[in-house]
């Protein structure tokens, strides 16, 4: 990561010279861009920003982080489980969230992103009524935030449960309890009416620039992955 940070520093000092060979603000047609991109580029021009201020790891991929066990956040598992008992009431015992999306999936999310959102709840920059009793320094001090976010980041949940024929469930040795536990760890998101192809075009136009072409998110910029499968690498 040291090499990447050095490169960003150089690009900042040169006003993103390499980018501007093709992407100069002076020749951009904001009216032809997607609304989100047009707004961001307009703000960047008015605020005197340069390309690298926003495009770290977005236009060009970053090396993966958390590649070794030693790089993962350290936390006390017992403390994490105690804190999780409170979170589980809404987000599920595995942080799997709810199928209707009312309570989001937290398992496998970037710990820095989760911590950032908790701090936003505490500062009331992000308002959510169910979070108000818990998002304060008395109930959730900084050490607990580090603990629970590291714990949640390490949960890797399956995206589907293997189909079992009815006959197999009647056979001796079938682990019904194990099957039940497995189903609890799998969040089955129902299909909603709509046009998937149109949705894909909309995603690529409005969302992919930040969240990634495949919804992989961006760990460095703490941009979450919107896809259904979470893991510690933040790659779907």
Protein backbone atom coordinates (compact mmCIF):
# COMPACT_ATOMS: atom_id res chain seq x y z
CA UNK A 1 0.00 0.00 0.00
CA UNK A 2 3.00 2.32 0.49
CA UNK A 3 3.61 2.44 -3.28
CA UNK A 4 -0.03 3.33 -3.95
CA UNK A 5 0.01 6.12 -1.37
CA UNK A 6 3.18 7.54 -2.93
CA UNK A 7 1.53 7.46 -6.35
CA UNK A 8 -1.57 9.23 -5.03
CA UNK A 9 0.65 11.91 -3.46
CA UNK A 10 2.48 12.49 -6.75
CA UNK A 11 -0.80 12.68 -8.70
CA UNK A 12 -2.20 15.14 -6.18
CA UNK A 13 0.87 17.35 -6.59
CA UNK A 14 0.65 17.23 -10.41
CA UNK A 15 -3.13 17.90 -10.53
CA UNK A 16 -3.73 14.33 -11.75
CA UNK A 17 -1.74 15.01 -14.91
CA UNK A 18 -1.98 11.44 -16.22
CA UNK A 19 -5.77 11.44 -15.88
CA UNK A 20 -6.20 14.85 -17.47
CA UNK A 21 -4.57 13.70 -20.69
CA UNK A 22 -8.03 12.33 -21.45
CA UNK A 23 -10.36 13.54 -18.68
CA UNK A 24 -9.90 17.29 -18.50
CA UNK A 25 -12.71 19.26 -16.86
CA UNK A 26 -12.57 21.87 -19.62
CA UNK A 27 -13.79 19.39 -22.24
CA UNK A 28 -16.33 17.53 -20.11
CA UNK A 29 -19.95 17.65 -21.25
CA UNK A 30 -21.77 17.41 -17.92
CA UNK A 31 -25.15 17.32 -19.65
CA UNK A 32 -24.15 14.06 -21.31
CA UNK A 33 -23.15 12.41 -18.03
CA UNK A 34 -25.28 10.47 -15.60
CA UNK A 35 -26.86 12.75 -12.94
CA UNK A 36 -24.65 11.46 -10.13
CA UNK A 37 -21.41 11.81 -12.12
CA UNK A 38 -22.42 15.24 -13.40
CA UNK A 39 -23.11 16.49 -9.88
CA UNK A 40 -19.82 15.14 -8.50
CA UNK A 41 -17.76 16.56 -11.38
CA UNK A 42 -19.50 19.93 -11.11
CA UNK A 43 -18.73 20.07 -7.37
CA UNK A 44 -15.13 19.04 -8.03
CA UNK A 45 -14.67 21.85 -10.55
CA UNK A 46 -16.16 24.43 -8.20
CA UNK A 47 -14.13 23.22 -5.22
CA UNK A 48 -10.85 23.00 -7.13
CA UNK A 49 -10.48 19.26 -6.65
CA UNK A 50 -8.31 17.02 -8.77
CA UNK A 51 -9.15 13.56 -10.14
CA UNK A 52 -7.25 11.59 -7.50
CA UNK A 53 -9.23 13.22 -4.68
CA UNK A 54 -12.19 10.99 -5.55
CA UNK A 55 -10.89 8.27 -7.86
CA UNK A 56 -8.50 6.41 -5.55
CA UNK A 57 -9.10 2.78 -6.47
CA UNK A 58 -12.30 3.49 -8.40
CA UNK A 59 -11.08 3.88 -11.95
CA UNK A 60 -8.10 1.60 -11.37
CA UNK A 61 -8.18 -1.34 -8.99
CA UNK A 62 -6.33 -1.38 -5.69
CA UNK A 63 -4.41 -4.33 -4.27
CA UNK A 64 -6.51 -6.45 -1.93
CA UNK A 65 -6.16 -5.85 1.80
CA UNK A 66 -6.49 -8.24 4.73
CA UNK A 67 -4.47 -10.79 2.77
CA UNK A 68 -3.04 -12.46 5.87
CA UNK A 69 -4.43 -13.40 9.24
CA UNK A 70 -2.01 -10.98 10.90
CA UNK A 71 -3.56 -8.02 9.04
CA UNK A 72 -7.06 -8.67 10.36
CA UNK A 73 -8.26 -6.53 13.28
CA UNK A 74 -7.68 -7.99 16.72
CA UNK A 75 -10.63 -8.24 19.10
CA UNK A 76 -11.88 -10.19 22.09
CA UNK A 77 -14.35 -12.85 20.80
CA UNK A 78 -16.20 -13.03 24.12
CA UNK A 79 -16.73 -9.27 24.21
CA UNK A 80 -17.86 -9.37 20.58
CA UNK A 81 -20.47 -12.06 21.29
CA UNK A 82 -21.82 -10.04 24.22
CA UNK A 83 -22.19 -6.93 22.04
CA UNK A 84 -23.69 -9.00 19.22
CA UNK A 85 -26.54 -10.10 21.49
CA UNK A 86 -27.85 -6.54 21.30
CA UNK A 87 -27.32 -6.21 17.52
CA UNK A 88 -28.89 -9.61 16.84
CA UNK A 89 -32.33 -8.48 17.93
CA UNK A 90 -32.65 -6.57 14.65
CA UNK A 91 -29.81 -7.70 12.39
CA UNK A 92 -29.92 -11.42 13.20
CA UNK A 93 -27.56 -13.58 15.26
CA UNK A 94 -25.16 -13.85 12.32
CA UNK A 95 -25.57 -10.27 11.16
CA UNK A 96 -27.49 -11.61 8.16
CA UNK A 97 -30.12 -8.86 8.13
CA UNK A 98 -33.73 -9.35 7.08
CA UNK A 99 -35.07 -10.37 3.66
CA UNK A 100 -37.15 -7.21 3.34
CA UNK A 101 -34.06 -5.02 3.75
CA UNK A 102 -35.46 -3.13 6.73
CA UNK A 103 -32.48 -4.24 8.80
CA UNK A 104 -29.38 -4.52 6.57
CA UNK A 105 -26.90 -7.34 6.37
CA UNK A 106 -23.78 -6.49 8.38
CA UNK A 107 -21.84 -9.74 8.07
CA UNK A 108 -18.68 -9.43 6.03
CA UNK A 109 -18.91 -5.67 5.72
CA UNK A 110 -15.81 -3.48 5.72
CA UNK A 111 -15.08 -2.73 9.43
CA UNK A 112 -14.03 0.85 8.63
CA UNK A 113 -17.35 1.42 6.84
CA UNK A 114 -19.34 -0.02 9.75
CA UNK A 115 -17.42 2.14 12.24
CA UNK A 116 -18.03 5.21 10.08
CA UNK A 117 -21.78 4.58 10.06
CA UNK A 118 -21.89 4.03 13.82
CA UNK A 119 -20.10 7.32 14.37
CA UNK A 120 -22.63 8.99 12.06
CA UNK A 121 -25.47 7.54 14.16
CA UNK A 122 -23.80 8.82 17.33
CA UNK A 123 -23.37 12.33 15.91
CA UNK A 124 -26.97 12.24 14.59
CA UNK A 125 -25.66 12.85 11.09
CA UNK A 126 -27.53 9.70 10.18
CA UNK A 127 -30.92 9.39 11.84
CA UNK A 128 -32.42 5.99 12.60
CA UNK A 129 -34.90 5.70 15.47
CA UNK A 130 -34.06 2.06 16.48
CA UNK A 131 -30.35 2.97 16.70
CA UNK A 132 -30.77 5.97 19.02
CA UNK A 133 -30.73 4.00 22.33
CA UNK A 134 -27.53 2.19 21.33
CA UNK A 135 -25.56 4.69 19.26
CA UNK A 136 -23.94 6.67 22.04
CA UNK A 137 -20.58 6.54 23.81
CA UNK A 138 -22.08 5.10 26.99
CA UNK A 139 -23.74 2.10 25.37
CA UNK A 140 -21.23 1.70 22.55
CA UNK A 141 -17.83 3.24 23.38
CA UNK A 142 -15.04 3.35 20.78
CA UNK A 143 -13.45 0.12 22.00
CA UNK A 144 -16.77 -1.71 21.58
CA UNK A 145 -17.13 -0.22 18.09
CA UNK A 146 -13.72 -1.63 17.14
CA UNK A 147 -14.66 -4.99 18.63
CA UNK A 148 -18.06 -5.44 16.99
CA UNK A 149 -16.99 -4.13 13.57
CA UNK A 150 -14.01 -6.50 13.49
CA UNK A 151 -16.27 -9.37 14.56
CA UNK A 152 -18.88 -8.64 11.89
CA UNK A 153 -16.22 -8.24 9.19
CA UNK A 154 -15.03 -11.77 9.88
CA UNK A 155 -18.42 -13.44 9.35
CA UNK A 156 -18.61 -15.12 5.94
CA UNK A 157 -22.17 -16.23 5.25
CA UNK A 158 -23.33 -18.51 2.41
CA UNK A 159 -25.59 -17.01 -0.23
CA UNK A 160 -27.71 -20.11 -0.75
CA UNK A 161 -28.52 -23.38 0.97
CA UNK A 162 -28.10 -26.68 -0.83
CA UNK A 163 -31.35 -28.25 -1.96
CA UNK A 164 -32.15 -31.52 -0.16
CA UNK A 165 -34.66 -33.99 -1.55
CA UNK A 166 -37.58 -34.78 0.76
CA UNK A 167 -36.63 -38.46 0.77
CA UNK A 168 -33.20 -37.60 2.17
CA UNK A 169 -34.78 -35.85 5.15
CA UNK A 170 -36.45 -39.12 6.16
CA UNK A 171 -33.25 -41.14 6.16
CA UNK A 172 -31.48 -42.09 9.36
CA UNK A 173 -28.65 -39.76 10.23
CA UNK A 174 -30.18 -36.67 8.64
CA UNK A 175 -29.11 -33.70 10.76
CA UNK A 176 -32.30 -31.68 11.07
CA UNK A 177 -30.83 -29.32 13.66
CA UNK A 178 -27.76 -28.71 11.52
CA UNK A 179 -30.02 -28.01 8.55
CA UNK A 180 -31.96 -25.49 10.61
CA UNK A 181 -28.79 -23.73 11.74
CA UNK A 182 -27.54 -23.63 8.15
CA UNK A 183 -30.80 -22.03 6.99
CA UNK A 184 -30.46 -19.36 9.69
CA UNK A 185 -27.04 -18.42 8.31
CA UNK A 186 -28.43 -18.04 4.80
CA UNK A 187 -30.35 -14.89 3.97
CA UNK A 188 -32.81 -15.69 1.21
CA UNK A 189 -33.61 -12.42 -0.50
CA UNK A 190 -36.92 -12.62 -2.40
CA UNK A 191 -37.17 -11.54 -6.00
CA UNK A 192 -38.96 -8.24 -6.42
CA UNK A 193 -40.93 -7.34 -9.53
CA UNK A 194 -38.96 -5.33 -12.04
CA UNK A 195 -36.72 -5.53 -15.08
CA UNK A 196 -33.28 -7.00 -14.21
CA UNK A 197 -31.75 -5.86 -17.50
CA UNK A 198 -32.93 -2.29 -16.96
CA UNK A 199 -31.70 -2.51 -13.38
CA UNK A 200 -28.29 -3.63 -14.59
CA UNK A 201 -28.04 -0.71 -16.97
CA UNK A 202 -29.06 1.69 -14.21
CA UNK A 203 -26.51 0.16 -11.81
CA UNK A 204 -23.68 0.42 -14.34
CA UNK A 205 -24.61 4.03 -15.08
CA UNK A 206 -25.27 5.36 -11.58
CA UNK A 207 -23.72 2.98 -9.03
CA UNK A 208 -20.78 1.05 -10.49
CA UNK A 209 -18.35 3.99 -10.46
CA UNK A 210 -18.19 3.86 -6.66
CA UNK A 211 -19.51 0.42 -5.71
CA UNK A 212 -17.63 -1.47 -8.44
CA UNK A 213 -18.70 -3.20 -11.64
CA UNK A 214 -19.59 -6.35 -9.71
CA UNK A 215 -20.68 -4.66 -6.50
CA UNK A 216 -17.37 -5.39 -4.81
CA UNK A 217 -17.19 -2.06 -3.00
CA UNK A 218 -14.00 -0.19 -2.14
CA UNK A 219 -12.25 -0.86 1.16
CA UNK A 220 -9.90 2.13 0.98
CA UNK A 221 -12.74 4.61 0.46
CA UNK A 222 -15.02 2.66 2.86
CA UNK A 223 -17.60 2.18 0.11
CA UNK A 224 -19.72 -0.90 0.89
CA UNK A 225 -20.55 -3.79 -1.40
CA UNK A 226 -24.25 -3.87 -2.32
CA UNK A 227 -24.34 -7.50 -3.41
CA UNK A 228 -25.75 -10.31 -1.26
CA UNK A 229 -22.51 -12.09 -0.42
CA UNK A 230 -20.19 -10.57 2.15
CA UNK A 231 -16.67 -11.59 3.10
CA UNK A 232 -13.59 -10.13 4.75
CA UNK A 233 -11.99 -9.20 1.44
CA UNK A 234 -14.99 -7.05 0.58
CA UNK A 235 -15.20 -8.81 -2.79
CA UNK A 236 -18.44 -10.44 -3.94
